[in-house]
Amino acid sequence: MTKENFIEIPHGKRKSHIHVVPNNSDWWNDHLLFRDFLRNSVVDRQLYEKVKQELSLKKWENGNEYASAKTSCIQSILEKARREKIK
């Protein structure tokens, strides 16, 4: 995703990232698939929660470092969601 696709909104010591993407883009569809899969998979939802809790204990220079640290977990769950969707 390029810099043009999101807006940073500072508030307090943090920033919110608001992503703007076209409906039905791969990015949009992957995020919805990930969300819906986690809603239905207790095991994967707990895994993602555990990873996020562990990462939240670390000090990060910025939110992008935190996001990068959880990427492998997200990709693994997303691949599983895609396989399940194909069945």
Protein backbone atom coordinates (compact mmCIF):
# COMPACT_ATOMS: atom_id res chain seq x y z
CA MET A 1 0.00 0.00 0.00
CA THR A 2 1.34 3.39 -0.89
CA LYS A 3 1.40 6.48 1.28
CA GLU A 4 -1.58 7.89 -0.67
CA ASN A 5 -3.84 5.10 0.63
CA PHE A 6 -3.89 6.08 4.28
CA ILE A 7 -4.15 9.08 6.53
CA GLU A 8 -2.42 9.45 9.90
CA ILE A 9 -4.44 11.23 12.55
CA PRO A 10 -2.44 12.14 15.68
CA HIS A 11 -4.17 12.06 19.05
CA GLY A 12 -2.28 12.17 22.30
CA LYS A 13 0.84 10.02 22.10
CA ARG A 14 -0.53 7.85 19.31
CA LYS A 15 -1.61 8.02 15.70
CA SER A 16 -4.58 6.40 14.04
CA HIS A 17 -4.13 5.10 10.53
CA ILE A 18 -7.21 5.31 8.35
CA HIS A 19 -6.88 3.30 5.14
CA VAL A 20 -8.80 4.37 2.07
CA VAL A 21 -9.16 1.60 -0.52
CA PRO A 22 -11.59 0.75 -3.29
CA ASN A 23 -14.37 -1.70 -2.50
CA ASN A 24 -13.64 -5.12 -3.94
CA SER A 25 -9.88 -4.52 -4.14
CA ASP A 26 -7.64 -7.40 -3.05
CA TRP A 27 -6.64 -5.42 0.05
CA TRP A 28 -10.29 -4.86 1.00
CA ASN A 29 -11.30 -8.47 0.33
CA ASP A 30 -8.34 -9.87 2.30
CA HIS A 31 -9.20 -7.74 5.32
CA LEU A 32 -12.82 -8.82 5.26
CA LEU A 33 -11.83 -12.46 4.82
CA PHE A 34 -9.41 -12.19 7.76
CA ARG A 35 -12.05 -10.53 9.95
CA ASP A 36 -14.76 -13.04 9.08
CA PHE A 37 -12.43 -16.00 9.51
CA LEU A 38 -11.41 -14.85 12.99
CA ARG A 39 -15.06 -14.44 13.93
CA ASN A 40 -15.60 -18.13 13.16
CA SER A 41 -12.31 -19.70 14.26
CA VAL A 42 -11.80 -19.73 18.01
CA VAL A 43 -8.33 -21.30 17.69
CA ASP A 44 -7.04 -18.71 15.23
CA ARG A 45 -8.68 -15.84 17.09
CA GLN A 46 -6.91 -16.95 20.29
CA LEU A 47 -3.60 -17.29 18.43
CA TYR A 48 -3.91 -13.77 17.03
CA GLU A 49 -4.90 -12.43 20.44
CA LYS A 50 -1.87 -14.10 22.06
CA VAL A 51 0.51 -12.69 19.46
CA LYS A 52 -0.93 -9.19 19.88
CA GLN A 53 -0.74 -9.40 23.68
CA GLU A 54 2.90 -10.53 23.56
CA LEU A 55 3.79 -7.79 21.11
CA SER A 56 2.01 -5.16 23.19
CA LEU A 57 4.55 -5.71 25.97
CA LYS A 58 7.43 -4.55 23.78
CA LYS A 59 8.54 -0.99 23.15
CA TRP A 60 8.10 0.05 19.52
CA GLU A 61 9.50 3.07 17.72
CA ASN A 62 6.21 3.38 15.85
CA GLY A 63 3.06 1.53 14.93
CA ASN A 64 4.57 0.26 11.70
CA GLU A 65 7.12 -1.81 13.63
CA TYR A 66 4.32 -3.37 15.66
CA ALA A 67 2.31 -4.04 12.49
CA SER A 68 5.33 -5.64 10.82
CA ALA A 69 5.93 -7.87 13.84
CA LYS A 70 2.48 -9.43 13.55
CA THR A 71 2.56 -9.81 9.76
CA SER A 72 3.69 -13.45 9.72
CA CYS A 73 0.82 -14.43 12.03
CA ILE A 74 -1.68 -12.52 9.92
CA GLN A 75 -0.38 -14.04 6.68
CA SER A 76 -0.55 -17.54 8.14
CA ILE A 77 -4.15 -17.06 9.28
CA LEU A 78 -5.09 -15.42 5.98
CA GLU A 79 -3.68 -18.36 4.00
CA LYS A 80 -5.71 -20.74 6.15
CA ALA A 81 -8.80 -18.60 5.58
CA ARG A 82 -8.25 -18.73 1.82
CA ARG A 83 -7.90 -22.53 1.89
CA GLU A 84 -11.08 -22.86 3.96
CA LYS A 85 -12.94 -20.55 1.58
CA ILE A 86 -11.99 -22.70 -1.41
CA LYS A 87 -13.44 -25.87 0.10
